[in-house]
Each structure stands twice: as structure tokens, then as C-alpha cells.
Amino acid sequence: MPSDSNMNEEILTKKMINPVVYDHYSGIVYKDNPNVKNVFDLDFRDLEPVLDARAWNSLQKNESKTAAIGTDPLKISDVFLGKYADTANQMFTEIKEARRTRNASLGAAIITSKDYSLLQDVVVVAENPEFIDQGIVSGLFEETAINQISGKYRDFAHDLKWYRNIPEGKSPEPSFGSVSEVSFRLFKHGGAVAITDRARDVINGANIFSRLVNQLQEVRLVDENEMVVEELESNTSNTETGVDFGAMTGQVSTNNPKGVIAEINNDFGNSTRPELRWDLFLTRSRVFSEYVTNTFVSGSPYVANPAQNPENGNVSTGIPGFPSYVAWARADELELSSGADAIAMNRSALKKWRGPTRQYTITDPEKEYQKYTTKTHFAVTTVKPELIYLVTDVYA
């Protein structure tokens, strides 16, 4: 068993750098208090705010953050908070100068500067959950920020009735609403990357560690997208039989998909109420191509319709034969029986929940490495399973 002196020496050799925590509820990144082990026990009012993540990500609409700040220097005070605004202003001024003069040495000095390391770390944790999309499916559904580890989602429905021609002396019969409740719980997820001092020396100053840190965030978001896919595809209780959109007899399509569309509408009660109607159709990409070239849909020969062009590369509206409010999302990360099936649903049927995100770096001279760690709290829950239908055999 090691002596007390050896244990103290080991503790002293390790150092935590830039512990930060992102409160998704407020949209603020704070300096963290590592002494509070359970992130849900943190009182964010006691922490020092560093960055307004929502303001920062609004600058992503510009081609360059430094360009945006350069045209309106006051924006920096809306993004970095308190004393960090002045430091950030200095950092971006130096970045702009390095780019203007193409001074690689100055650029490397900025990247590796300890004076700016906290600002660079808070940008990493702020940018990824808010701005970077990894996968199609996750971005289709509403995300709710919470500061508790579990809770209950309540959905209020109604069957209210309005009566015509009520006889004198008679009061209308009351109609009632109802409430459904679904429990959810956030689970902790995490990842880490490390680089040894020796590797850093061999790389001769290239900031590969920073690149790995950013790649870790991308891996995390890919995994979160996969969590959404898994939850979505677990809903198999409600089914509708489809037809192969692409089957051909000579130059003419064999199957008319319009009957299937009518049946799906009927599954949703032919409702036009936003919270009840069918408003999202999900397939792999090739299914969309077969549908829009189906001669019952497009006519013969097929003529491309500009309204079918994707709005963001993967989601389209204005699909011939579909209700105008239905969006078709093409997501090849979906399994769907190797692409043979589809999902018809209302977007409100599935919810994402996100709790605080913690991030920190540990340096350990004893082991000669630097380790960056991210811990998140994230969950996906089906809250209205009755509004999700698996449509089978639309592709063969």
C-alpha cells in the first residue's frame, strides 16, 4: 500500500484545466465547480458565466466568426461574458492579424496560448450541441433542456364538443379533456481523448490534440443521432401495409402508391390538427427516388418537379400526392429492414431531453499525457406511440 507522502505526491502531479459546464436550459457555459460531483446538484447562480452559447452560434450564420466580429465589435460583449469579453476581443484581434499577414507562427501561438485556452474550450462545448449536425434523424425532433435527472412528460388531449341548435331551457352536455403521462430519465454518456508528451514532441507543434477533441464531439453527436434512430425504430406496434413504389412493368409503374397515402391519412384520423396529423415520412434515400419517378405520381415520361428538391439536402415538402404539411426525410442511417420499410408519424411523438454537459482537461506529468473528457446527459423518449406507424414493403 503506498505511503501518505506518495499518495499526496500523486495527487499533486495531476491538474484539472478549464473545467466548464454547459447549462442547456439557460444556454450559458460556466466555469465548473469540480467539487460538486453530481452535476444536477450544481447551483448555476453560484458559477461564473463565460459564454452565451446561443449568441455564439448565431454568429455561425456568417462565413467567419472573426469577420462577423470585425464588422461589429460590439458583438463580442454579447457572446463572451464579464471579464472574458476583453480577453476574447484580444484573441480574435490576433487571429484576424495572423490571417491578414499569413503569419503561421502567430496563429500557432494563439492556438497553444494558455491565456486563451479556456475560451477555446468553451467554444467547443457550446458549438457542438447547438450547431453541428451529425446525422439526419436527430435534427427532426424537438429537444428540451432540463436541469433534473428525471421527470414526467404530460400530454393534454381533448374531445371537446360544440353543439348546434340547443333547445331553450336545455344546457349543453359537458365534454372533457384527458391527460397522458410518460416518465423519462437522463443517462450519463461520455468520451475522452488523450495525447502523450512524447507524441506532442514528435508532431513538432501541430495541434493534433485540438483536432482530436473536435472529432470526439462529432463522434458523440453521431452516437446521439443513433440513439434517436434506435428509439424511433423500436416503435413497431402500429403498422400499415405499403406497396413497392419502384416496381415496373415495361416503362410503366406496377403499383399506385396513392392508395397507401390515403390509408396512412386514415390511420391518423384524417386530422389536420398539427398535434395529431401525419406530418413526417422517413425512408432511405432510394425510396424517395422511386416514388417521384413512379408513373402514377409523375406521369409518363417522368418530368422533374422543382418543388421536390430537398430544402436542406435531405428533407422535402410539396411531394406530389402527399398532404402539403408532410415532410419527407431521407435518412440512410435508418435500418428499416434494409430500407424496405418507412415510418409515418407526427413529429411530436418523440422527444429528446438534454441535461448539463461537463468538460475538462487533465494533465498528468507522472503518466506524461494530457486527457480531455466530455460528459453529457441525454435521453430519447417516445411520448405518443399511437402517432408512429411502420409502413412495410415500400421498396424491394
Protein backbone atom coordinates (compact mmCIF):
# COMPACT_ATOMS: atom_id res chain seq x y z
CA MET A 1 0.00 0.00 0.00
CA PRO A 2 1.54 3.41 -0.94
CA SER A 3 2.53 5.77 1.83
CA ASP A 4 0.65 9.00 2.52
CA SER A 5 3.53 11.02 1.09
CA ASN A 6 3.46 9.08 -2.15
CA MET A 7 -0.33 9.48 -2.41
CA ASN A 8 -0.06 13.23 -1.87
CA GLU A 9 2.67 13.44 -4.50
CA GLU A 10 0.47 11.60 -6.99
CA ILE A 11 -2.46 13.92 -6.30
CA LEU A 12 -0.29 16.98 -6.75
CA THR A 13 1.08 15.82 -10.07
CA LYS A 14 -2.37 15.82 -11.65
CA LYS A 15 -4.03 19.07 -12.62
CA MET A 16 -7.51 19.82 -13.93
CA ILE A 17 -7.56 22.54 -16.58
CA ASN A 18 -10.56 24.57 -17.70
CA PRO A 19 -13.43 22.68 -16.07
CA VAL A 20 -16.59 24.08 -17.66
CA VAL A 21 -20.24 23.12 -17.61
CA TYR A 22 -22.86 23.95 -20.23
CA ASP A 23 -26.35 24.63 -18.87
CA HIS A 24 -28.51 23.93 -21.90
CA TYR A 25 -31.54 25.35 -20.13
CA SER A 26 -30.09 28.88 -19.99
CA GLY A 27 -27.74 28.48 -22.96
CA ILE A 28 -24.76 29.64 -20.88
CA VAL A 29 -21.36 27.97 -20.44
CA TYR A 30 -19.96 28.44 -16.92
CA LYS A 31 -16.71 27.74 -15.14
CA ASP A 32 -17.47 24.49 -13.34
CA ASN A 33 -17.08 23.62 -9.67
CA PRO A 34 -15.47 20.14 -9.76
CA ASN A 35 -16.03 19.74 -6.03
CA VAL A 36 -19.73 19.19 -6.77
CA LYS A 37 -19.64 15.63 -8.07
CA ASN A 38 -23.27 15.37 -9.19
CA VAL A 39 -23.87 17.90 -11.95
CA PHE A 40 -27.54 18.10 -11.03
CA ASP A 41 -26.55 19.41 -7.60
CA LEU A 42 -24.86 22.48 -9.12
CA ASP A 43 -26.40 25.87 -8.42
CA PHE A 44 -25.64 27.75 -11.63
CA ARG A 45 -26.30 31.04 -9.85
CA ASP A 46 -23.08 30.45 -7.91
CA LEU A 47 -20.96 29.81 -11.03
CA GLU A 48 -19.06 32.29 -13.19
CA PRO A 49 -20.57 32.69 -16.69
CA VAL A 50 -18.10 32.62 -19.58
CA LEU A 51 -20.01 32.32 -22.86
CA ASP A 52 -23.54 32.79 -24.19
CA ALA A 53 -23.72 29.71 -26.44
CA ARG A 54 -26.83 30.82 -28.31
CA ALA A 55 -25.31 34.20 -29.13
CA TRP A 56 -22.09 32.50 -30.20
CA ASN A 57 -23.87 30.12 -32.54
CA SER A 58 -25.86 32.93 -34.13
CA LEU A 59 -22.51 34.10 -35.48
CA GLN A 60 -22.25 30.79 -37.34
CA LYS A 61 -24.56 32.28 -39.92
CA ASN A 62 -21.55 34.29 -41.04
CA GLU A 63 -18.84 32.65 -43.09
CA SER A 64 -16.28 33.63 -40.45
CA LYS A 65 -16.75 34.48 -36.81
CA THR A 66 -13.77 36.82 -36.86
CA ALA A 67 -15.20 38.58 -39.88
CA ALA A 68 -18.54 38.99 -38.12
CA ILE A 69 -16.88 40.37 -35.02
CA GLY A 70 -14.69 42.63 -37.12
CA THR A 71 -17.68 44.28 -38.77
CA ASP A 72 -19.45 44.79 -35.46
CA PRO A 73 -17.03 44.77 -32.50
CA LEU A 74 -19.89 45.16 -30.03
CA LYS A 75 -20.98 41.57 -30.73
CA ILE A 76 -18.10 40.24 -28.70
CA SER A 77 -19.65 41.59 -25.50
CA ASP A 78 -22.88 39.80 -26.36
CA VAL A 79 -21.09 36.46 -26.67
CA PHE A 80 -18.32 36.29 -24.06
CA LEU A 81 -19.43 37.49 -20.66
CA GLY A 82 -17.88 39.61 -17.93
CA LYS A 83 -14.10 39.78 -17.89
CA TYR A 84 -13.85 37.23 -20.69
CA ALA A 85 -15.15 39.72 -23.26
CA ASP A 86 -11.89 41.70 -23.21
CA THR A 87 -9.78 38.53 -23.45
CA ALA A 88 -11.87 37.25 -26.35
CA ASN A 89 -11.62 40.59 -28.13
CA GLN A 90 -7.83 40.39 -27.89
CA MET A 91 -7.79 36.77 -29.10
CA PHE A 92 -9.92 37.48 -32.18
CA THR A 93 -7.90 40.59 -32.98
CA GLU A 94 -4.74 38.46 -33.02
CA ILE A 95 -6.45 35.77 -35.12
CA LYS A 96 -7.50 38.39 -37.64
CA GLU A 97 -3.98 39.76 -37.78
CA ALA A 98 -2.49 36.28 -38.23
CA ARG A 99 -4.81 35.64 -41.15
CA ARG A 100 -4.16 39.05 -42.70
CA THR A 101 -0.40 38.62 -42.55
CA ARG A 102 -0.49 34.85 -43.08
CA ASN A 103 1.73 34.56 -40.03
CA ALA A 104 1.71 30.84 -39.20
CA SER A 105 3.84 31.32 -36.08
CA LEU A 106 1.39 33.85 -34.65
CA GLY A 107 -1.52 31.55 -35.46
CA ALA A 108 0.17 28.62 -33.70
CA ALA A 109 0.93 30.81 -30.69
CA ILE A 110 -2.74 31.78 -30.39
CA ILE A 111 -3.90 28.17 -30.60
CA THR A 112 -1.49 26.98 -27.91
CA SER A 113 -1.69 30.05 -25.66
CA LYS A 114 -2.73 29.28 -22.09
CA ASP A 115 -4.28 32.76 -21.93
CA TYR A 116 -6.88 31.73 -24.49
CA SER A 117 -7.29 28.01 -23.71
CA LEU A 118 -10.44 28.49 -21.62
CA LEU A 119 -12.13 30.48 -24.37
CA GLN A 120 -11.27 27.83 -26.93
CA ASP A 121 -12.62 25.08 -24.68
CA VAL A 122 -15.96 26.78 -24.02
CA VAL A 123 -16.42 27.28 -27.76
CA VAL A 124 -16.01 23.52 -28.30
CA VAL A 125 -18.67 22.60 -25.76
CA ALA A 126 -21.02 25.38 -26.92
CA GLU A 127 -20.75 24.80 -30.65
CA ASN A 128 -21.33 21.09 -30.92
CA PRO A 129 -24.74 20.61 -29.30
CA GLU A 130 -26.17 23.80 -30.82
CA PHE A 131 -24.76 23.99 -34.32
CA ILE A 132 -23.09 20.87 -35.68
CA ASP A 133 -25.48 18.25 -37.06
CA GLN A 134 -24.22 14.67 -37.32
CA GLY A 135 -26.95 12.60 -38.94
CA ILE A 136 -30.38 13.49 -40.27
CA VAL A 137 -32.83 11.95 -37.84
CA SER A 138 -31.91 13.69 -34.59
CA GLY A 139 -32.45 17.16 -36.03
CA LEU A 140 -36.06 16.36 -36.94
CA PHE A 141 -37.27 16.29 -33.35
CA GLU A 142 -37.66 18.84 -30.60
CA GLU A 143 -35.03 18.89 -27.87
CA THR A 144 -35.93 20.02 -24.36
CA ALA A 145 -33.27 21.26 -21.94
CA ILE A 146 -33.77 20.28 -18.32
CA ASN A 147 -31.80 20.55 -15.07
CA GLN A 148 -33.11 17.40 -13.40
CA ILE A 149 -32.17 13.77 -13.84
CA SER A 150 -35.72 12.51 -14.38
CA GLY A 151 -39.23 13.75 -14.92
CA LYS A 152 -42.63 13.15 -16.46
CA TYR A 153 -43.92 14.38 -19.79
CA ARG A 154 -47.62 15.22 -19.75
CA ASP A 155 -49.64 15.49 -22.92
CA PHE A 156 -53.06 17.10 -22.76
CA ALA A 157 -55.67 15.94 -25.24
CA HIS A 158 -59.30 16.93 -25.59
CA ASP A 159 -62.50 15.67 -27.04
CA LEU A 160 -64.42 18.90 -26.62
CA LYS A 161 -67.70 19.22 -28.44
CA TRP A 162 -69.71 22.18 -29.67
CA TYR A 163 -73.46 21.76 -30.01
CA ARG A 164 -75.77 23.43 -32.52
CA ASN A 165 -79.42 24.35 -32.15
CA ILE A 166 -79.72 23.75 -28.40
CA PRO A 167 -83.41 23.84 -27.34
CA GLU A 168 -84.49 26.56 -24.97
CA GLY A 169 -84.21 25.51 -21.33
CA LYS A 170 -81.60 22.83 -22.08
CA SER A 171 -77.93 23.13 -21.15
CA PRO A 172 -75.22 21.52 -23.31
CA GLU A 173 -73.70 18.31 -22.02
CA PRO A 174 -70.14 18.80 -20.76
CA SER A 175 -67.22 17.29 -22.66
CA PHE A 176 -63.91 16.54 -21.05
CA GLY A 177 -60.20 16.60 -21.80
CA SER A 178 -57.68 13.96 -20.79
CA VAL A 179 -54.01 13.78 -19.89
CA SER A 180 -51.39 11.12 -20.59
CA GLU A 181 -48.10 10.86 -18.75
CA VAL A 182 -44.75 9.34 -19.77
CA SER A 183 -41.76 9.12 -17.42
CA PHE A 184 -38.22 9.75 -18.65
CA ARG A 185 -34.74 9.60 -17.15
CA LEU A 186 -31.47 11.13 -18.33
CA PHE A 187 -28.45 8.84 -18.59
CA LYS A 188 -24.82 9.91 -18.47
CA HIS A 189 -22.66 9.38 -21.55
CA GLY A 190 -19.03 10.28 -22.09
CA GLY A 191 -15.80 10.02 -24.01
CA ALA A 192 -12.18 11.11 -23.72
CA VAL A 193 -9.12 11.62 -25.90
CA ALA A 194 -5.50 11.81 -24.80
CA ILE A 195 -2.11 12.64 -26.23
CA THR A 196 1.25 11.79 -24.70
CA ASP A 197 4.00 14.34 -24.22
CA ARG A 198 6.24 12.25 -26.47
CA ALA A 199 3.69 12.25 -29.29
CA ARG A 200 3.33 16.01 -28.98
CA ASP A 201 7.10 16.41 -29.34
CA VAL A 202 7.25 14.13 -32.38
CA ILE A 203 4.41 16.03 -34.08
CA ASN A 204 6.54 19.20 -33.78
CA GLY A 205 3.88 21.58 -32.52
CA ALA A 206 0.96 20.66 -34.77
CA ASN A 207 -2.19 20.91 -32.70
CA ILE A 208 -3.44 17.37 -33.33
CA PHE A 209 -4.89 17.24 -29.78
CA SER A 210 -7.31 20.04 -30.62
CA ARG A 211 -8.32 18.16 -33.75
CA LEU A 212 -8.99 15.01 -31.72
CA VAL A 213 -11.07 16.98 -29.23
CA ASN A 214 -13.31 18.27 -32.01
CA GLN A 215 -13.55 14.83 -33.57
CA LEU A 216 -14.65 13.44 -30.21
CA GLN A 217 -17.60 15.84 -30.23
CA GLU A 218 -18.55 14.68 -33.71
CA VAL A 219 -18.42 11.05 -32.57
CA ARG A 220 -20.67 11.97 -29.64
CA LEU A 221 -23.26 13.62 -31.88
CA VAL A 222 -23.22 10.65 -34.27
CA ASP A 223 -23.93 8.41 -31.29
CA GLU A 224 -26.78 10.65 -30.10
CA ASN A 225 -28.29 10.51 -33.59
CA GLU A 226 -28.06 6.72 -33.40
CA MET A 227 -29.90 6.80 -30.05
CA VAL A 228 -32.74 8.69 -31.73
CA VAL A 229 -32.78 6.18 -34.61
CA GLU A 230 -32.92 3.23 -32.19
CA GLU A 231 -35.81 4.75 -30.23
CA LEU A 232 -37.70 5.60 -33.39
CA GLU A 233 -37.30 2.14 -34.92
CA SER A 234 -38.38 0.45 -31.68
CA ASN A 235 -41.94 1.60 -32.42
CA THR A 236 -43.40 -1.35 -34.34
CA SER A 237 -46.83 -1.73 -32.70
CA ASN A 238 -48.72 0.20 -35.39
CA THR A 239 -48.25 -0.95 -38.97
CA GLU A 240 -49.58 -0.14 -42.42
CA THR A 241 -49.00 -2.34 -45.47
CA GLY A 242 -47.31 -0.48 -48.31
CA VAL A 243 -46.56 -1.20 -51.95
CA ASP A 244 -43.28 -1.27 -53.83
CA PHE A 245 -43.02 2.26 -55.25
CA GLY A 246 -40.41 1.24 -57.82
CA ALA A 247 -41.89 -1.92 -59.35
CA MET A 248 -42.14 -1.57 -63.14
CA THR A 249 -43.92 -3.39 -65.95
CA GLY A 250 -42.01 -2.27 -69.00
CA GLN A 251 -41.91 1.53 -68.83
CA VAL A 252 -44.93 1.84 -66.53
CA SER A 253 -45.08 1.56 -62.76
CA THR A 254 -46.87 -1.50 -61.45
CA ASN A 255 -48.20 -0.10 -58.16
CA ASN A 256 -50.12 3.10 -57.49
CA PRO A 257 -48.93 4.49 -54.11
CA LYS A 258 -51.87 6.89 -53.74
CA GLY A 259 -53.96 4.24 -52.02
CA VAL A 260 -51.26 3.75 -49.38
CA ILE A 261 -51.11 7.51 -48.78
CA ALA A 262 -54.87 7.56 -48.26
CA GLU A 263 -54.62 4.68 -45.76
CA ILE A 264 -51.87 6.46 -43.81
CA ASN A 265 -54.00 9.59 -43.63
CA ASN A 266 -56.85 7.44 -42.37
CA ASP A 267 -54.57 5.96 -39.67
CA PHE A 268 -54.14 9.47 -38.33
CA GLY A 269 -57.87 10.10 -38.41
CA ASN A 270 -57.54 12.34 -41.49
CA SER A 271 -56.78 15.04 -38.95
CA THR A 272 -55.39 18.43 -39.91
CA ARG A 273 -54.68 19.39 -36.29
CA PRO A 274 -50.90 19.95 -36.00
CA GLU A 275 -50.54 17.84 -32.86
CA LEU A 276 -52.37 14.83 -34.36
CA ARG A 277 -51.89 14.80 -38.12
CA TRP A 278 -49.36 12.86 -40.14
CA ASP A 279 -46.56 15.35 -40.81
CA LEU A 280 -43.34 13.34 -41.27
CA PHE A 281 -42.38 10.44 -43.56
CA LEU A 282 -38.97 8.80 -43.12
CA THR A 283 -37.22 6.44 -45.55
CA ARG A 284 -33.83 5.76 -47.01
CA SER A 285 -32.84 7.95 -49.97
CA ARG A 286 -33.55 5.46 -52.74
CA VAL A 287 -37.22 5.12 -51.75
CA PHE A 288 -37.79 8.81 -52.47
CA SER A 289 -36.25 8.47 -55.93
CA GLU A 290 -38.52 5.54 -56.77
CA TYR A 291 -41.60 7.37 -55.53
CA VAL A 292 -41.11 10.59 -57.50
CA THR A 293 -40.40 8.59 -60.69
CA ASN A 294 -43.43 6.33 -60.19
CA THR A 295 -45.56 6.97 -63.29
CA PHE A 296 -48.79 7.07 -61.26
CA VAL A 297 -47.24 10.01 -59.38
CA SER A 298 -45.23 11.80 -62.05
CA GLY A 299 -46.96 10.85 -65.26
CA SER A 300 -45.11 9.28 -68.15
CA PRO A 301 -42.48 10.18 -69.09
CA TYR A 302 -41.14 11.46 -65.77
CA VAL A 303 -40.57 15.23 -65.56
CA ALA A 304 -38.63 16.59 -62.59
CA ASN A 305 -40.61 18.88 -60.30
CA PRO A 306 -38.54 21.70 -58.74
CA ALA A 307 -40.80 21.62 -55.66
CA GLN A 308 -39.40 18.17 -54.88
CA ASN A 309 -35.86 19.47 -54.45
CA PRO A 310 -34.59 18.99 -50.91
CA GLU A 311 -34.87 22.06 -48.69
CA ASN A 312 -31.74 21.21 -46.68
CA GLY A 313 -30.29 18.36 -48.70
CA ASN A 314 -32.35 15.64 -47.05
CA VAL A 315 -35.86 16.93 -46.30
CA SER A 316 -38.52 17.87 -48.87
CA THR A 317 -42.07 19.15 -48.80
CA GLY A 318 -44.54 19.66 -51.64
CA ILE A 319 -44.38 15.97 -52.59
CA PRO A 320 -46.99 15.05 -55.24
CA GLY A 321 -49.80 13.02 -53.69
CA PHE A 322 -48.82 13.86 -50.11
CA PRO A 323 -50.62 16.35 -47.87
CA SER A 324 -48.91 19.72 -48.12
CA TYR A 325 -47.84 19.66 -44.46
CA VAL A 326 -46.00 16.31 -44.69
CA ALA A 327 -42.20 16.48 -44.93
CA TRP A 328 -40.27 13.55 -46.42
CA ALA A 329 -36.91 12.95 -44.68
CA ARG A 330 -34.35 10.73 -46.37
CA ALA A 331 -32.00 9.27 -43.77
CA ASP A 332 -29.71 6.43 -44.76
CA GLU A 333 -28.76 5.81 -41.12
CA LEU A 334 -32.19 4.21 -40.70
CA GLU A 335 -32.24 0.40 -40.86
CA LEU A 336 -35.94 -0.10 -41.71
CA SER A 337 -35.49 -3.72 -42.81
CA SER A 338 -32.55 -2.76 -45.05
CA GLY A 339 -34.55 0.12 -46.48
CA ALA A 340 -37.66 -1.84 -47.42
CA ASP A 341 -39.89 -0.03 -44.91
CA ALA A 342 -40.85 3.54 -44.00
CA ILE A 343 -42.09 5.42 -40.95
CA ALA A 344 -45.11 7.74 -40.97
CA MET A 345 -45.53 9.83 -37.84
CA ASN A 346 -46.26 13.09 -36.12
CA ARG A 347 -43.06 14.84 -35.01
CA SER A 348 -44.39 15.42 -31.50
CA ALA A 349 -44.48 11.65 -30.88
CA LEU A 350 -40.79 11.59 -29.93
CA LYS A 351 -38.88 13.91 -27.58
CA LYS A 352 -35.20 14.48 -26.84
CA TRP A 353 -34.07 15.55 -23.37
CA ARG A 354 -30.70 17.16 -22.64
CA GLY A 355 -29.14 17.88 -19.28
CA PRO A 356 -25.89 19.73 -18.44
CA THR A 357 -22.65 18.93 -20.27
CA ARG A 358 -19.35 18.83 -18.37
CA GLN A 359 -15.95 19.22 -19.98
CA TYR A 360 -12.42 19.34 -18.58
CA THR A 361 -8.79 18.51 -19.33
CA ILE A 362 -6.45 16.59 -17.02
CA THR A 363 -2.67 16.90 -17.27
CA ASP A 364 -0.65 14.13 -15.62
CA PRO A 365 3.13 14.65 -15.63
CA GLU A 366 3.55 11.29 -13.90
CA LYS A 367 2.00 9.44 -16.84
CA GLU A 368 3.13 12.09 -19.34
CA TYR A 369 -0.16 12.69 -21.06
CA GLN A 370 -3.00 15.19 -21.39
CA LYS A 371 -6.58 13.93 -21.39
CA TYR A 372 -9.72 15.79 -22.48
CA THR A 373 -13.08 14.50 -21.19
CA THR A 374 -16.69 15.28 -22.05
CA LYS A 375 -19.68 14.00 -20.06
CA THR A 376 -23.22 14.56 -21.26
CA HIS A 377 -26.74 13.76 -20.09
CA PHE A 378 -29.10 12.84 -22.90
CA ALA A 379 -32.18 10.69 -23.45
CA VAL A 380 -34.78 9.99 -26.13
CA THR A 381 -38.36 9.01 -25.30
CA THR A 382 -41.42 8.05 -27.30
CA VAL A 383 -44.24 10.06 -25.74
CA LYS A 384 -47.04 9.36 -28.24
CA PRO A 385 -46.58 5.84 -29.65
CA GLU A 386 -50.05 5.98 -31.22
CA LEU A 387 -48.72 8.60 -33.66
CA ILE A 388 -45.97 6.41 -35.17
CA TYR A 389 -46.72 3.88 -37.94
CA LEU A 390 -44.33 1.44 -39.60
CA VAL A 391 -45.17 1.29 -43.32
CA THR A 392 -43.90 -2.00 -44.71
CA ASP A 393 -42.58 -3.06 -48.10
CA VAL A 394 -42.32 0.26 -49.96
CA TYR A 395 -39.06 -0.85 -51.58
CA ALA A 396 -37.84 -4.14 -52.95
